[in-house]
Amino acid sequence: MTYLSQKNKIIDSILDRADKHRLLWKDKITLFMDLDNADLDWGLLDSFDDDNFQHDIIGIQNNMNRKTGQLDQHFLPRSGV
C-alpha cells in the first residue's frame, strides 16, 4: 500500500467516524478542508478515544477561520503537529 492510499484510508475513517457521531458542522468536504488546514497528525487523530476525537473535531470546526485557513482563539488540537 502506498503512503497516499494509506493516508486516504485514514482520512476516510476520520470523516466517516465524525459523521457517525454527528459531529459535522456542515458536511464531510468542509470538515476535510478544516482538518487539512489544521496541520494534524492524521494517524493520531484516527486512533483517539471518543473524547479526544470529539475535542479535536468540534474544536477545529468551531475555531477555524475559513477566510485565513488558520485556527483562531488559540485552540490547540491534541492531534496537532
Protein backbone atom coordinates (compact mmCIF):
# COMPACT_ATOMS: atom_id res chain seq x y z
CA MET A 1 0.00 0.00 0.00
CA THR A 2 1.37 3.41 -0.93
CA TYR A 3 1.65 6.29 1.51
CA LEU A 4 -1.12 8.25 -0.25
CA SER A 5 -3.56 5.36 -0.31
CA GLN A 6 -2.88 4.70 3.39
CA LYS A 7 -3.40 8.39 4.22
CA ASN A 8 -6.64 8.46 2.19
CA LYS A 9 -7.88 5.41 4.10
CA ILE A 10 -7.19 7.18 7.41
CA ILE A 11 -8.90 10.37 6.23
CA ASP A 12 -11.97 8.40 5.10
CA SER A 13 -12.07 6.70 8.51
CA ILE A 14 -11.94 10.06 10.32
CA LEU A 15 -14.66 11.61 8.16
CA ASP A 16 -16.93 8.56 8.50
CA ARG A 17 -16.42 8.47 12.27
CA ALA A 18 -17.23 12.17 12.61
CA ASP A 19 -20.37 11.67 10.52
CA LYS A 20 -21.40 8.60 12.54
CA HIS A 21 -21.08 10.56 15.80
CA ARG A 22 -22.93 13.53 14.26
CA LEU A 23 -20.01 15.89 14.71
CA LEU A 24 -20.23 17.52 11.28
CA TRP A 25 -20.76 21.27 11.34
CA LYS A 26 -21.74 21.18 7.67
CA ASP A 27 -20.54 18.22 5.59
CA LYS A 28 -17.57 15.90 5.08
CA ILE A 29 -15.94 18.12 2.46
CA THR A 30 -15.98 21.13 4.78
CA LEU A 31 -14.60 19.04 7.64
CA PHE A 32 -11.83 17.71 5.40
CA MET A 33 -10.81 21.24 4.38
CA ASP A 34 -10.82 22.40 8.02
CA LEU A 35 -8.74 19.40 9.14
CA ASP A 36 -6.33 19.77 6.23
CA ASN A 37 -5.64 23.38 7.24
CA ALA A 38 -5.16 22.48 10.91
CA ASP A 39 -1.79 20.70 10.43
CA LEU A 40 -2.63 17.41 12.17
CA ASP A 41 -1.16 14.01 12.71
CA TRP A 42 -3.94 12.15 10.87
CA GLY A 43 -2.99 8.76 12.32
CA LEU A 44 -3.05 10.09 15.87
CA LEU A 45 -6.47 11.70 15.38
CA ASP A 46 -7.80 8.44 13.93
CA SER A 47 -6.51 6.46 16.92
CA PHE A 48 -8.00 8.75 19.59
CA ASP A 49 -10.69 7.61 22.00
CA ASP A 50 -14.08 9.27 21.51
CA ASP A 51 -13.47 12.13 23.97
CA ASN A 52 -10.20 13.28 22.42
CA PHE A 53 -11.56 12.71 18.90
CA GLN A 54 -14.61 14.87 19.63
CA HIS A 55 -12.45 17.56 21.26
CA ASP A 56 -10.36 17.95 18.11
CA ILE A 57 -13.18 17.65 15.55
CA ILE A 58 -15.53 20.08 17.30
CA GLY A 59 -12.75 22.45 18.37
CA ILE A 60 -11.27 22.68 14.87
CA GLN A 61 -14.65 23.29 13.26
CA ASN A 62 -15.59 25.93 15.86
CA ASN A 63 -12.25 27.76 15.73
CA MET A 64 -11.28 27.58 12.05
CA ASN A 65 -11.17 30.95 10.33
CA ARG A 66 -12.25 29.92 6.85
CA LYS A 67 -11.01 33.18 5.34
CA THR A 68 -7.43 32.72 6.53
CA GLY A 69 -7.33 28.92 6.89
CA GLN A 70 -5.92 29.33 10.42
CA LEU A 71 -7.22 28.30 13.82
CA ASP A 72 -8.40 31.24 15.92
CA GLN A 73 -8.74 31.78 19.66
CA HIS A 74 -5.55 29.87 20.44
CA PHE A 75 -7.23 26.47 20.02
CA LEU A 76 -4.64 23.67 20.04
CA PRO A 77 -5.77 20.31 18.67
CA ARG A 78 -4.49 17.39 20.69
CA SER A 79 -3.50 15.73 17.42
CA GLY A 80 -1.62 18.79 16.16
CA VAL A 81 1.98 18.53 15.00
